Protein backbone atom coordinates (compact mmCIF):
# COMPACT_ATOMS: atom_id res chain seq x y z
CA MET A 1 -19.71 61.50 -14.57
CA SER A 2 -16.25 62.52 -15.39
CA LYS A 3 -15.82 66.12 -16.43
CA ILE A 4 -13.61 66.07 -19.59
CA GLY A 5 -11.50 68.92 -20.92
CA ILE A 6 -9.86 68.93 -24.25
CA PHE A 7 -6.90 71.40 -24.38
CA VAL A 8 -5.52 71.85 -27.83
CA GLY A 9 -2.46 73.83 -29.49
CA SER A 10 -2.56 73.77 -33.36
CA SER A 11 -0.92 75.90 -36.01
CA GLY A 12 -2.01 74.17 -39.09
CA GLY A 13 -5.46 73.19 -38.03
CA VAL A 14 -5.19 69.40 -38.10
CA THR A 15 -4.81 68.99 -34.20
CA GLN A 16 -7.75 71.56 -33.97
CA ALA A 17 -9.88 69.34 -36.21
CA ALA A 18 -8.98 66.26 -34.37
CA ALA A 19 -9.96 67.82 -31.09
CA GLU A 20 -13.13 69.01 -32.40
CA LYS A 21 -14.05 65.48 -33.53
CA LEU A 22 -12.96 64.34 -30.09
CA GLU A 23 -15.41 66.79 -28.52
CA GLU A 24 -18.19 65.03 -30.34
CA LEU A 25 -17.18 61.65 -29.41
CA PHE A 26 -16.85 62.57 -25.76
CA ASP A 27 -20.19 63.93 -25.35
CA GLY A 28 -20.06 66.74 -22.91
CA ALA A 29 -16.41 67.34 -23.20
CA GLU A 30 -15.28 71.09 -23.08
CA LEU A 31 -12.77 72.17 -25.84
CA ILE A 32 -10.10 74.56 -24.80
CA ASN A 33 -8.11 76.21 -27.58
CA MET A 34 -4.62 77.06 -25.96
CA GLU A 35 -4.33 80.29 -27.99
CA GLU A 36 -7.86 81.64 -27.52
CA ASP A 37 -9.46 80.05 -24.49
CA TYR A 38 -6.53 79.20 -22.18
CA ASP A 39 -6.01 81.38 -18.98
CA ASP A 40 -3.83 79.75 -16.48
CA LEU A 41 -2.71 76.37 -14.98
CA GLU A 42 -5.78 76.53 -12.61
CA GLN A 43 -8.01 75.56 -15.65
CA PHE A 44 -6.66 71.88 -15.51
CA GLU A 45 -8.15 71.61 -11.99
CA GLU A 46 -11.65 71.95 -13.39
CA PHE A 47 -11.43 68.81 -14.95
CA ASP A 48 -11.31 65.02 -14.16
CA VAL A 49 -10.06 63.89 -17.51
CA LEU A 50 -7.62 65.77 -19.69
CA LEU A 51 -7.10 65.12 -23.42
CA ILE A 52 -4.06 67.05 -24.42
CA GLY A 53 -3.38 67.86 -28.11
CA SER A 54 -0.53 69.24 -29.80
CA SER A 55 1.21 69.10 -33.02
CA THR A 56 4.99 68.45 -33.10
CA TRP A 57 7.39 71.26 -34.34
CA GLY A 58 11.18 71.44 -34.89
CA GLN A 59 13.22 69.04 -32.96
CA GLY A 60 10.17 67.30 -31.46
CA ASP A 61 8.80 70.19 -29.67
CA PRO A 62 5.10 71.16 -28.76
CA GLN A 63 3.09 73.59 -30.58
CA ARG A 64 3.86 77.17 -29.73
CA ASP A 65 0.78 77.87 -27.79
CA TRP A 66 1.97 75.21 -25.12
CA VAL A 67 5.37 76.70 -24.58
CA ASP A 68 4.51 78.94 -21.86
CA PRO A 69 2.09 76.43 -19.98
CA LEU A 70 4.42 73.79 -20.06
CA TYR A 71 7.22 75.94 -18.79
CA GLU A 72 4.99 76.99 -16.00
CA MET A 73 4.18 73.51 -15.23
CA ASP A 74 7.72 72.35 -15.27
CA ASN A 75 8.94 75.02 -12.84
CA ASP A 76 5.79 75.35 -10.58
CA GLU A 77 4.74 71.73 -10.54
CA PRO A 78 1.15 72.37 -10.01
CA ASP A 79 -0.70 69.34 -8.23
CA LEU A 80 -2.45 67.45 -11.00
CA SER A 81 -2.77 64.23 -8.78
CA GLY A 82 -6.10 62.65 -9.60
CA LYS A 83 -6.20 63.86 -13.00
CA LYS A 84 -6.30 61.23 -15.85
CA VAL A 85 -4.57 62.30 -18.96
CA ALA A 86 -4.25 61.09 -22.61
CA PHE A 87 -2.40 62.79 -25.59
CA PHE A 88 -3.03 63.19 -29.27
CA GLY A 89 -1.49 65.21 -31.92
CA ALA A 90 -0.62 65.78 -35.43
CA GLY A 91 2.85 64.79 -37.21
CA ASP A 92 4.13 64.00 -40.66
CA GLN A 93 5.87 60.75 -40.52
CA ASP A 94 7.57 61.21 -44.03
CA THR A 95 8.84 64.57 -44.14
CA HIS A 96 9.50 64.80 -40.25
CA GLY A 97 9.98 61.07 -39.52
CA GLU A 98 13.04 61.72 -37.33
CA HIS A 99 10.82 63.52 -34.76
CA PHE A 100 7.38 61.97 -35.49
CA VAL A 101 4.97 63.22 -32.78
CA SER A 102 7.75 63.47 -30.30
CA ALA A 103 6.07 66.45 -28.57
CA LEU A 104 3.65 64.07 -27.07
CA ALA A 105 6.40 62.42 -25.02
CA LYS A 106 7.56 65.71 -23.74
CA MET A 107 4.40 66.71 -22.66
CA GLU A 108 3.50 63.48 -20.88
CA ASP A 109 6.78 63.84 -19.01
CA ILE A 110 5.85 67.22 -17.64
CA PHE A 111 2.13 65.99 -16.78
CA LYS A 112 3.63 63.05 -14.97
CA LYS A 113 5.96 65.26 -12.99
CA CYS A 114 3.13 67.20 -11.81
CA GLY A 115 1.21 64.14 -10.52
CA ALA A 116 -1.03 63.36 -13.32
CA SER A 117 -1.99 59.84 -14.05
CA THR A 118 -0.71 59.11 -17.67
CA GLY A 119 -0.34 55.80 -19.78
CA PHE A 120 -3.80 56.09 -21.01
CA GLY A 121 -4.42 56.02 -24.99
CA TYR A 122 -1.29 54.37 -25.75
CA TRP A 123 -1.60 53.68 -29.39
CA PRO A 124 0.23 50.82 -31.61
CA THR A 125 3.02 51.92 -33.79
CA GLU A 126 2.03 49.44 -36.69
CA GLY A 127 0.73 51.11 -39.74
CA TYR A 128 3.26 54.24 -39.24
CA MET A 129 6.20 54.67 -41.33
CA TYR A 130 8.80 56.94 -39.37
CA LYS A 131 12.54 56.94 -38.51
CA PHE A 132 12.25 57.80 -34.70
CA SER A 133 9.90 59.11 -32.10
CA LEU A 134 10.43 59.98 -28.54
CA SER A 135 6.83 59.01 -28.18
CA GLU A 136 7.45 55.47 -28.81
CA LYS A 137 7.49 53.28 -25.55
CA ASP A 138 7.54 49.33 -25.84
CA GLY A 139 6.04 49.43 -29.31
CA LYS A 140 3.36 51.92 -28.74
CA PHE A 141 3.07 55.64 -28.87
CA CYS A 142 2.29 57.49 -25.49
CA GLY A 143 -0.77 58.83 -27.38
CA LEU A 144 -2.55 59.06 -30.59
CA PRO A 145 -0.44 60.15 -33.60
CA ILE A 146 -2.66 61.81 -36.55
CA ASP A 147 -0.97 62.15 -40.00
CA ASP A 148 -3.18 63.99 -42.22
CA ILE A 149 -0.60 64.40 -44.77
CA ASN A 150 0.26 60.93 -45.38
CA GLN A 151 -2.62 58.99 -43.97
CA GLU A 152 -5.60 61.59 -43.97
CA GLU A 153 -8.05 58.65 -44.84
CA LEU A 154 -7.31 56.83 -41.44
CA THR A 155 -7.69 59.74 -39.16
CA GLU A 156 -11.38 59.53 -38.30
CA SER A 157 -11.37 55.91 -37.74
CA ARG A 158 -8.31 56.20 -35.45
CA LEU A 159 -9.93 59.05 -33.57
CA THR A 160 -13.03 56.95 -33.07
CA GLU A 161 -11.28 53.91 -31.98
CA TRP A 162 -8.88 55.91 -29.77
CA SER A 163 -11.85 57.51 -27.98
CA LYS A 164 -13.25 54.09 -27.23
CA GLN A 165 -10.09 52.82 -25.87
CA VAL A 166 -9.54 55.82 -23.68
CA ARG A 167 -13.19 55.66 -22.45
CA GLN A 168 -12.41 52.09 -21.55
CA GLU A 169 -9.05 52.40 -19.92
CA MET A 170 -10.13 55.43 -17.82
CA ASP A 171 -13.58 54.01 -16.91
CA ILE A 172 -15.55 56.82 -18.12
């Protein structure tokens, strides 16, 4: 059985709530809050599957608790080969539609640079109304966008469907 780690950085609580729901949906997964529970890059090595959650801030940047770990990863390039990684995160497609969930793409690029297997959990762009996203790749987002401001009623069903999709794609 694959060991699953859910690593989350959340300021407003939306991405944290999504991570907690995913913890329920992925029975046996361990939830690591980047502010409270994260120690160092070696924690990633403890898991076969990494579900990486971050809201998007500013010009499409990851949530602040990810800044130092991503900087270390980008510079130290730890060996994450063999790790299967999927991304999820909160964004506001109306007010911040010009950078909607762009943090997911920035994070994916760094994890990929470290040898992780990405490309899991890509989610269709249909049903979202945004201007631009770095996370859009061939008509899909490189993870699951959550917009509790404009589409809160869809969050739970999206998380449930995404968890099924990720399980199937990762064969877990």
